[in-house]
């Protein structure tokens, strides 16, 4: 369970810190030449990352 929690924390930090990288890896191929994420994409990706970090910490504490 600890390994899973650590993986969640790592994924959450990546989502929260570099949402543009996540966009380039997962979504840019869908948008052709305009490969810049919108502000709402950056915001929601960061929020998702923060949620994953919190869940990972809770799993480690539990």
Foldseek 3Di string as FASTA:
>chain_A
DLVVLVVLLVQLVCQQPPVLVVQVVPPQVVVPPPSGDDPVSSVVSNVSSVVSNVVSVVVVVD
